[in-house]
Amino acid sequence: MNAKIKVRDFSLTYGEKPILRRINLDVPAGEITALIGPSGAGKSSFLRALNRTNDWEGVREDGTVLLDDLDIYGPGTDVVQLRKRVGMVFQTPIPFPMSIFDNVAFGPRIHGLRRRGELMEIVERSLKQTALWDELQDRLEQSALSLSVGQRQRLCIARVLAVKSEVLLLDEPCADLDAASTMKIEDLLHQLKANYTIILATNLQQAGRIADRTAFFWEGELVEEGPTKSLFQKPGDPRTEAYLTGRFG
């Protein structure tokens, strides 16, 4: 396995409360890895740990997380550059209160790009990657707040792609979407995995449809993980089987 991310004995504690306990996981490059488990199992906390958006007072992280050869919790790690390489898309899509163009160009501008022509190329490429260009190319100067919820979610993904992230983290990206918008997001993720490593917290049904591998979290522990089909058909832990068959969660 060509692992893009390697997690070793990683624990996360908030105050005195353990949130994640000794997680060990390899995330393959160029695949979709789904995180499943009941509410409060630690899926979102684990996602945020991968680009250090858990960094606030009272939180302690132990263990190692490697992005290629970079220890993301190592001394001297540039968190801004880390978050450029590992982009996060949250459940509720929140565009910036500015134009569609400026939303997508925001990240490149933060990293020093100013020329309008170069920004236009990035905006066009990112919107094409998220299947938004045909819908929005004549509306780039309109407010992003005018978009539908499904378009907003794809716009938030386009913002991440605009800074050339290598890893996409998505926290239940379709939870607030209708069936048609969900299908567009799933089709998009299938296309993007050719060039990106994708990790998403999601439900059983979506994991079964789109994930190459699935990891089951329960009470802050990674119970087991493996190829989605194998995990769903023959789980190795009774807790996984109970969750998959609806006995809890």
C-alpha atoms as a PDB file:
ATOM      1  CA  MET A   1       0.000   0.000   0.000  1.00  0.00           C
ATOM      2  CA  ASN A   2       1.278   3.471  -0.948  1.00  0.00           C
ATOM      3  CA  ALA A   3       0.208   5.340   2.187  1.00  0.00           C
ATOM      4  CA  LYS A   4      -0.234   9.104   1.882  1.00  0.00           C
ATOM      5  CA  ILE A   5      -0.907   9.413   5.628  1.00  0.00           C
ATOM      6  CA  LYS A   6       0.384   7.159   8.411  1.00  0.00           C
ATOM      7  CA  VAL A   7      -1.114   7.458  11.892  1.00  0.00           C
ATOM      8  CA  ARG A   8       0.685   5.710  14.748  1.00  0.00           C
ATOM      9  CA  ASP A   9      -0.555   5.434  18.354  1.00  0.00           C
ATOM     10  CA  PHE A  10      -2.331   8.767  18.035  1.00  0.00           C
ATOM     11  CA  SER A  11      -4.406   9.959  20.987  1.00  0.00           C
ATOM     12  CA  LEU A  12      -6.251  13.203  21.546  1.00  0.00           C
ATOM     13  CA  THR A  13      -7.404  14.482  24.929  1.00  0.00           C
ATOM     14  CA  TYR A  14      -9.456  17.558  25.743  1.00  0.00           C
ATOM     15  CA  GLY A  15      -8.807  18.568  29.313  1.00  0.00           C
ATOM     16  CA  GLU A  16      -9.128  15.283  31.160  1.00  0.00           C
ATOM     17  CA  LYS A  17     -11.488  13.763  28.605  1.00  0.00           C
ATOM     18  CA  PRO A  18     -10.035  11.281  26.080  1.00  0.00           C
ATOM     19  CA  ILE A  19     -11.448  11.896  22.595  1.00  0.00           C
ATOM     20  CA  LEU A  20      -9.286   9.525  20.522  1.00  0.00           C
ATOM     21  CA  ARG A  21      -7.357   6.533  21.869  1.00  0.00           C
ATOM     22  CA  ARG A  22      -4.207   5.129  20.222  1.00  0.00           C
ATOM     23  CA  ILE A  23      -5.330   5.301  16.603  1.00  0.00           C
ATOM     24  CA  ASN A  24      -3.261   3.391  14.044  1.00  0.00           C
ATOM     25  CA  LEU A  25      -4.230   3.812  10.401  1.00  0.00           C
ATOM     26  CA  ASP A  26      -2.635   3.966   6.964  1.00  0.00           C
ATOM     27  CA  VAL A  27      -4.517   6.055   4.397  1.00  0.00           C
ATOM     28  CA  PRO A  28      -3.706   5.010   0.823  1.00  0.00           C
ATOM     29  CA  ALA A  29      -2.900   7.654  -1.768  1.00  0.00           C
ATOM     30  CA  GLY A  30      -5.425   8.101  -4.549  1.00  0.00           C
ATOM     31  CA  GLU A  31      -8.292   6.364  -2.781  1.00  0.00           C
ATOM     32  CA  ILE A  32     -11.427   7.274  -0.857  1.00  0.00           C
ATOM     33  CA  THR A  33     -11.318   6.266   2.800  1.00  0.00           C
ATOM     34  CA  ALA A  34     -14.616   6.507   4.699  1.00  0.00           C
ATOM     35  CA  LEU A  35     -14.888   6.939   8.457  1.00  0.00           C
ATOM     36  CA  ILE A  36     -18.068   5.448   9.897  1.00  0.00           C
ATOM     37  CA  GLY A  37     -19.438   5.054  13.394  1.00  0.00           C
ATOM     38  CA  PRO A  38     -22.143   6.420  15.692  1.00  0.00           C
ATOM     39  CA  SER A  39     -22.373  10.074  16.673  1.00  0.00           C
ATOM     40  CA  GLY A  40     -19.615  10.954  19.128  1.00  0.00           C
ATOM     41  CA  ALA A  41     -17.341   8.124  18.014  1.00  0.00           C
ATOM     42  CA  GLY A  42     -14.475  10.506  17.167  1.00  0.00           C
ATOM     43  CA  LYS A  43     -14.731  10.673  13.377  1.00  0.00           C
ATOM     44  CA  SER A  44     -14.803  14.464  13.108  1.00  0.00           C
ATOM     45  CA  SER A  45     -12.092  14.879  15.737  1.00  0.00           C
ATOM     46  CA  PHE A  46      -9.883  12.487  13.803  1.00  0.00           C
ATOM     47  CA  LEU A  47     -10.435  14.394  10.562  1.00  0.00           C
ATOM     48  CA  ARG A  48      -9.559  17.697  12.231  1.00  0.00           C
ATOM     49  CA  ALA A  49      -6.437  16.123  13.709  1.00  0.00           C
ATOM     50  CA  LEU A  50      -5.129  15.485  10.207  1.00  0.00           C
ATOM     51  CA  ASN A  51      -4.736  19.183   9.453  1.00  0.00           C
ATOM     52  CA  ARG A  52      -4.447  20.393  13.047  1.00  0.00           C
ATOM     53  CA  THR A  53      -7.729  22.257  13.279  1.00  0.00           C
ATOM     54  CA  ASN A  54      -8.034  20.757  16.780  1.00  0.00           C
ATOM     55  CA  ASP A  55      -5.207  23.029  17.921  1.00  0.00           C
ATOM     56  CA  TRP A  56      -6.679  25.031  20.768  1.00  0.00           C
ATOM     57  CA  GLU A  57      -6.009  25.482  24.464  1.00  0.00           C
ATOM     58  CA  GLY A  58      -6.674  22.395  26.548  1.00  0.00           C
ATOM     59  CA  VAL A  59      -6.205  19.883  23.723  1.00  0.00           C
ATOM     60  CA  ARG A  60      -3.280  17.450  23.916  1.00  0.00           C
ATOM     61  CA  GLU A  61      -2.138  15.231  21.056  1.00  0.00           C
ATOM     62  CA  ASP A  62       0.144  12.226  21.494  1.00  0.00           C
ATOM     63  CA  GLY A  63       1.565   9.885  18.889  1.00  0.00           C
ATOM     64  CA  THR A  64       2.634  10.453  15.297  1.00  0.00           C
ATOM     65  CA  VAL A  65       0.861  11.528  12.112  1.00  0.00           C
ATOM     66  CA  LEU A  66       2.973  11.440   8.956  1.00  0.00           C
ATOM     67  CA  LEU A  67       1.977  13.169   5.713  1.00  0.00           C
ATOM     68  CA  ASP A  68       4.401  11.524   3.324  1.00  0.00           C
ATOM     69  CA  ASP A  69       7.598  12.122   5.339  1.00  0.00           C
ATOM     70  CA  LEU A  70       6.345  15.156   7.277  1.00  0.00           C
ATOM     71  CA  ASP A  71       5.547  14.683  10.961  1.00  0.00           C
ATOM     72  CA  ILE A  72       2.619  17.101  11.129  1.00  0.00           C
ATOM     73  CA  TYR A  73       2.920  17.454  14.918  1.00  0.00           C
ATOM     74  CA  GLY A  74       6.678  17.726  14.825  1.00  0.00           C
ATOM     75  CA  PRO A  75       8.535  20.841  16.006  1.00  0.00           C
ATOM     76  CA  GLY A  76       8.822  23.476  13.318  1.00  0.00           C
ATOM     77  CA  THR A  77       5.928  22.199  11.198  1.00  0.00           C
ATOM     78  CA  ASP A  78       4.377  25.101   9.274  1.00  0.00           C
ATOM     79  CA  VAL A  79       0.669  24.733  10.042  1.00  0.00           C
ATOM     80  CA  VAL A  80      -0.345  27.164   7.274  1.00  0.00           C
ATOM     81  CA  GLN A  81       1.496  25.070   4.696  1.00  0.00           C
ATOM     82  CA  LEU A  82       0.069  21.888   6.213  1.00  0.00           C
ATOM     83  CA  ARG A  83      -3.477  23.183   5.800  1.00  0.00           C
ATOM     84  CA  LYS A  84      -2.666  24.095   2.214  1.00  0.00           C
ATOM     85  CA  ARG A  85      -1.662  20.484   1.544  1.00  0.00           C
ATOM     86  CA  VAL A  86      -4.512  18.994   3.603  1.00  0.00           C
ATOM     87  CA  GLY A  87      -7.755  20.861   2.969  1.00  0.00           C
ATOM     88  CA  MET A  88     -10.919  20.594   5.074  1.00  0.00           C
ATOM     89  CA  VAL A  89     -14.539  20.801   3.901  1.00  0.00           C
ATOM     90  CA  PHE A  90     -17.135  20.929   6.653  1.00  0.00           C
ATOM     91  CA  GLN A  91     -20.669  19.551   6.815  1.00  0.00           C
ATOM     92  CA  THR A  92     -22.360  22.944   6.472  1.00  0.00           C
ATOM     93  CA  PRO A  93     -20.978  24.768   3.419  1.00  0.00           C
ATOM     94  CA  ILE A  94     -20.237  28.371   4.348  1.00  0.00           C
ATOM     95  CA  PRO A  95     -19.100  30.527   1.426  1.00  0.00           C
ATOM     96  CA  PHE A  96     -17.346  33.756   2.246  1.00  0.00           C
ATOM     97  CA  PRO A  97     -19.627  36.814   1.856  1.00  0.00           C
ATOM     98  CA  MET A  98     -18.015  37.812  -1.419  1.00  0.00           C
ATOM     99  CA  SER A  99     -18.273  36.927  -5.096  1.00  0.00           C
ATOM    100  CA  ILE A 100     -17.984  33.415  -6.474  1.00  0.00           C
ATOM    101  CA  PHE A 101     -14.694  34.404  -8.124  1.00  0.00           C
ATOM    102  CA  ASP A 102     -13.263  35.867  -4.900  1.00  0.00           C
ATOM    103  CA  ASN A 103     -14.261  32.773  -2.914  1.00  0.00           C
ATOM    104  CA  VAL A 104     -12.193  30.493  -5.136  1.00  0.00           C
ATOM    105  CA  ALA A 105      -9.357  33.014  -5.503  1.00  0.00           C
ATOM    106  CA  PHE A 106      -9.172  33.644  -1.758  1.00  0.00           C
ATOM    107  CA  GLY A 107      -6.610  30.924  -0.962  1.00  0.00           C
ATOM    108  CA  PRO A 108      -4.234  31.683  -3.841  1.00  0.00           C
ATOM    109  CA  ARG A 109      -4.327  35.370  -2.862  1.00  0.00           C
ATOM    110  CA  ILE A 110      -3.457  34.498   0.746  1.00  0.00           C
ATOM    111  CA  HIS A 111      -0.429  32.623  -0.608  1.00  0.00           C
ATOM    112  CA  GLY A 112       0.740  35.644  -2.578  1.00  0.00           C
ATOM    113  CA  LEU A 113      -0.817  35.354  -6.030  1.00  0.00           C
ATOM    114  CA  ARG A 114      -2.148  38.685  -7.307  1.00  0.00           C
ATOM    115  CA  ARG A 115      -2.289  38.670 -11.122  1.00  0.00           C
ATOM    116  CA  ARG A 116      -5.876  38.582 -12.346  1.00  0.00           C
ATOM    117  CA  GLY A 117      -5.075  36.379 -15.325  1.00  0.00           C
ATOM    118  CA  GLU A 118      -3.424  33.694 -13.202  1.00  0.00           C
ATOM    119  CA  LEU A 119      -6.242  33.852 -10.668  1.00  0.00           C
ATOM    120  CA  MET A 120      -8.774  33.465 -13.473  1.00  0.00           C
ATOM    121  CA  GLU A 121      -7.019  30.314 -14.673  1.00  0.00           C
ATOM    122  CA  ILE A 122      -7.126  28.854 -11.158  1.00  0.00           C
ATOM    123  CA  VAL A 123     -10.793  29.761 -10.677  1.00  0.00           C
ATOM    124  CA  GLU A 124     -11.748  28.226 -14.009  1.00  0.00           C
ATOM    125  CA  ARG A 125      -9.756  25.049 -13.355  1.00  0.00           C
ATOM    126  CA  SER A 126     -11.156  24.614  -9.850  1.00  0.00           C
ATOM    127  CA  LEU A 127     -14.755  25.195 -10.930  1.00  0.00           C
ATOM    128  CA  LYS A 128     -14.332  22.748 -13.811  1.00  0.00           C
ATOM    129  CA  GLN A 129     -12.939  20.150 -11.393  1.00  0.00           C
ATOM    130  CA  THR A 130     -16.077  20.512  -9.280  1.00  0.00           C
ATOM    131  CA  ALA A 131     -18.460  20.541 -12.270  1.00  0.00           C
ATOM    132  CA  LEU A 132     -19.493  24.135 -11.518  1.00  0.00           C
ATOM    133  CA  TRP A 133     -17.952  25.993 -14.436  1.00  0.00           C
ATOM    134  CA  ASP A 134     -20.825  25.457 -16.878  1.00  0.00           C
ATOM    135  CA  GLU A 135     -23.306  26.500 -14.186  1.00  0.00           C
ATOM    136  CA  LEU A 136     -21.450  29.568 -12.928  1.00  0.00           C
ATOM    137  CA  GLN A 137     -19.114  30.923 -15.603  1.00  0.00           C
ATOM    138  CA  ASP A 138     -21.484  33.820 -16.356  1.00  0.00           C
ATOM    139  CA  ARG A 139     -22.099  34.545 -12.647  1.00  0.00           C
ATOM    140  CA  LEU A 140     -18.576  34.830 -11.251  1.00  0.00           C
ATOM    141  CA  GLU A 141     -19.099  38.334  -9.905  1.00  0.00           C
ATOM    142  CA  GLN A 142     -22.353  37.433  -8.150  1.00  0.00           C
ATOM    143  CA  SER A 143     -22.394  36.742  -4.428  1.00  0.00           C
ATOM    144  CA  ALA A 144     -21.588  33.152  -3.484  1.00  0.00           C
ATOM    145  CA  LEU A 145     -24.400  33.420  -0.955  1.00  0.00           C
ATOM    146  CA  SER A 146     -26.853  33.275  -3.881  1.00  0.00           C
ATOM    147  CA  LEU A 147     -25.920  29.649  -4.629  1.00  0.00           C
ATOM    148  CA  SER A 148     -27.970  26.596  -3.726  1.00  0.00           C
ATOM    149  CA  VAL A 149     -26.776  24.427  -0.832  1.00  0.00           C
ATOM    150  CA  GLY A 150     -25.435  21.802  -3.232  1.00  0.00           C
ATOM    151  CA  GLN A 151     -23.568  24.417  -5.257  1.00  0.00           C
ATOM    152  CA  ARG A 152     -22.175  25.924  -2.068  1.00  0.00           C
ATOM    153  CA  GLN A 153     -20.729  22.568  -1.047  1.00  0.00           C
ATOM    154  CA  ARG A 154     -19.033  22.123  -4.405  1.00  0.00           C
ATOM    155  CA  LEU A 155     -17.779  25.711  -4.202  1.00  0.00           C
ATOM    156  CA  CYS A 156     -16.192  24.946  -0.822  1.00  0.00           C
ATOM    157  CA  ILE A 157     -14.464  21.947  -2.415  1.00  0.00           C
ATOM    158  CA  ALA A 158     -13.308  24.198  -5.274  1.00  0.00           C
ATOM    159  CA  ARG A 159     -11.761  26.569  -2.689  1.00  0.00           C
ATOM    160  CA  VAL A 160      -9.651  23.690  -1.387  1.00  0.00           C
ATOM    161  CA  LEU A 161      -8.620  22.589  -4.877  1.00  0.00           C
ATOM    162  CA  ALA A 162      -7.600  26.143  -5.764  1.00  0.00           C
ATOM    163  CA  VAL A 163      -4.610  25.969  -3.405  1.00  0.00           C
ATOM    164  CA  LYS A 164      -3.560  22.590  -4.855  1.00  0.00           C
ATOM    165  CA  SER A 165      -4.277  20.528  -1.779  1.00  0.00           C
ATOM    166  CA  GLU A 166      -3.109  16.933  -1.905  1.00  0.00           C
ATOM    167  CA  VAL A 167      -5.551  15.536   0.652  1.00  0.00           C
ATOM    168  CA  LEU A 168      -9.256  16.377   0.937  1.00  0.00           C
ATOM    169  CA  LEU A 169     -10.947  15.959   4.317  1.00  0.00           C
ATOM    170  CA  LEU A 170     -14.749  16.026   4.206  1.00  0.00           C
ATOM    171  CA  ASP A 171     -16.933  15.939   7.300  1.00  0.00           C
ATOM    172  CA  GLU A 172     -20.305  14.491   6.266  1.00  0.00           C
ATOM    173  CA  PRO A 173     -20.358  16.617   3.102  1.00  0.00           C
ATOM    174  CA  CYS A 174     -23.798  15.428   1.970  1.00  0.00           C
ATOM    175  CA  ALA A 175     -25.647  15.504   5.291  1.00  0.00           C
ATOM    176  CA  ASP A 176     -27.632  18.625   4.345  1.00  0.00           C
ATOM    177  CA  LEU A 177     -28.066  17.836   0.642  1.00  0.00           C
ATOM    178  CA  ASP A 178     -30.914  16.360  -1.362  1.00  0.00           C
ATOM    179  CA  ALA A 179     -30.505  13.172  -3.393  1.00  0.00           C
ATOM    180  CA  ALA A 180     -29.613  14.945  -6.642  1.00  0.00           C
ATOM    181  CA  SER A 181     -26.928  17.105  -5.011  1.00  0.00           C
ATOM    182  CA  THR A 182     -25.582  14.083  -3.124  1.00  0.00           C
ATOM    183  CA  MET A 183     -25.181  12.211  -6.398  1.00  0.00           C
ATOM    184  CA  LYS A 184     -23.231  15.128  -7.881  1.00  0.00           C
ATOM    185  CA  ILE A 185     -20.872  15.197  -4.892  1.00  0.00           C
ATOM    186  CA  GLU A 186     -20.337  11.430  -5.062  1.00  0.00           C
ATOM    187  CA  ASP A 187     -19.642  11.560  -8.801  1.00  0.00           C
ATOM    188  CA  LEU A 188     -17.218  14.410  -8.148  1.00  0.00           C
ATOM    189  CA  LEU A 189     -15.325  12.476  -5.469  1.00  0.00           C
ATOM    190  CA  HIS A 190     -14.985   9.468  -7.789  1.00  0.00           C
ATOM    191  CA  GLN A 191     -13.333  11.750 -10.356  1.00  0.00           C
ATOM    192  CA  LEU A 192     -11.130  13.601  -7.872  1.00  0.00           C
ATOM    193  CA  LYS A 193      -9.576  10.496  -6.344  1.00  0.00           C
ATOM    194  CA  ALA A 194      -7.477  10.100  -9.490  1.00  0.00           C
ATOM    195  CA  ASN A 195      -5.446  13.092  -8.291  1.00  0.00           C
ATOM    196  CA  TYR A 196      -6.237  13.436  -4.582  1.00  0.00           C
ATOM    197  CA  THR A 197      -6.375  11.368  -1.418  1.00  0.00           C
ATOM    198  CA  ILE A 198      -9.868  11.671   0.058  1.00  0.00           C
ATOM    199  CA  ILE A 199     -10.989  10.973   3.613  1.00  0.00           C
ATOM    200  CA  LEU A 200     -14.594  11.547   4.606  1.00  0.00           C
ATOM    201  CA  ALA A 201     -16.748  10.998   7.639  1.00  0.00           C
ATOM    202  CA  THR A 202     -20.045   9.633   6.384  1.00  0.00           C
ATOM    203  CA  ASN A 203     -22.868   7.145   6.827  1.00  0.00           C
ATOM    204  CA  LEU A 204     -23.015   3.445   5.997  1.00  0.00           C
ATOM    205  CA  GLN A 205     -24.884   3.882   2.745  1.00  0.00           C
ATOM    206  CA  GLN A 206     -22.523   6.435   1.263  1.00  0.00           C
ATOM    207  CA  ALA A 207     -19.453   4.520   2.425  1.00  0.00           C
ATOM    208  CA  GLY A 208     -20.795   1.446   0.668  1.00  0.00           C
ATOM    209  CA  ARG A 209     -21.341   3.372  -2.555  1.00  0.00           C
ATOM    210  CA  ILE A 210     -18.090   5.308  -2.919  1.00  0.00           C
ATOM    211  CA  ALA A 211     -15.361   4.267  -0.464  1.00  0.00           C
ATOM    212  CA  ASP A 212     -12.407   2.082  -1.411  1.00  0.00           C
ATOM    213  CA  ARG A 213     -11.648   1.514   2.275  1.00  0.00           C
ATOM    214  CA  THR A 214     -13.691   2.027   5.422  1.00  0.00           C
ATOM    215  CA  ALA A 215     -12.636   2.576   9.032  1.00  0.00           C
ATOM    216  CA  PHE A 216     -15.091   1.968  11.882  1.00  0.00           C
ATOM    217  CA  PHE A 217     -14.789   4.232  14.936  1.00  0.00           C
ATOM    218  CA  TRP A 218     -16.471   3.573  18.270  1.00  0.00           C
ATOM    219  CA  GLU A 219     -16.051   5.571  21.495  1.00  0.00           C
ATOM    220  CA  GLY A 220     -12.813   7.176  20.330  1.00  0.00           C
ATOM    221  CA  GLU A 221     -11.240   3.931  19.140  1.00  0.00           C
ATOM    222  CA  LEU A 222     -10.547   2.668  15.645  1.00  0.00           C
ATOM    223  CA  VAL A 223     -12.143  -0.763  15.930  1.00  0.00           C
ATOM    224  CA  GLU A 224     -11.152  -2.034  12.495  1.00  0.00           C
ATOM    225  CA  GLU A 225     -10.576  -0.938   8.906  1.00  0.00           C
ATOM    226  CA  GLY A 226     -10.110  -2.517   5.525  1.00  0.00           C
ATOM    227  CA  PRO A 227     -11.462  -2.685   1.982  1.00  0.00           C
ATOM    228  CA  THR A 228     -15.088  -1.579   2.147  1.00  0.00           C
ATOM    229  CA  LYS A 229     -16.579  -4.671   0.556  1.00  0.00           C
ATOM    230  CA  SER A 230     -14.659  -7.016   2.865  1.00  0.00           C
ATOM    231  CA  LEU A 231     -15.443  -4.992   5.985  1.00  0.00           C
ATOM    232  CA  PHE A 232     -19.154  -4.841   5.170  1.00  0.00           C
ATOM    233  CA  GLN A 233     -19.462  -8.507   4.247  1.00  0.00           C
ATOM    234  CA  LYS A 234     -17.242 -10.026   6.913  1.00  0.00           C
ATOM    235  CA  PRO A 235     -16.446  -7.682   9.816  1.00  0.00           C
ATOM    236  CA  GLY A 236     -13.862  -8.984  12.235  1.00  0.00           C
ATOM    237  CA  ASP A 237     -15.189  -7.386  15.417  1.00  0.00           C
ATOM    238  CA  PRO A 238     -18.643  -7.935  16.948  1.00  0.00           C
ATOM    239  CA  ARG A 239     -19.014  -4.184  17.503  1.00  0.00           C
ATOM    240  CA  THR A 240     -18.581  -3.564  13.791  1.00  0.00           C
ATOM    241  CA  GLU A 241     -21.107  -6.248  12.953  1.00  0.00           C
ATOM    242  CA  ALA A 242     -23.580  -4.774  15.451  1.00  0.00           C
ATOM    243  CA  TYR A 243     -23.223  -1.325  13.876  1.00  0.00           C
ATOM    244  CA  LEU A 244     -23.472  -2.610  10.318  1.00  0.00           C
ATOM    245  CA  THR A 245     -26.622  -4.580  11.106  1.00  0.00           C
ATOM    246  CA  GLY A 246     -28.267  -1.689  12.920  1.00  0.00           C
ATOM    247  CA  ARG A 247     -28.176  -3.083  16.444  1.00  0.00           C
ATOM    248  CA  PHE A 248     -26.700   0.210  17.669  1.00  0.00           C
ATOM    249  CA  GLY A 249     -25.631   3.575  16.309  1.00  0.00           C
END
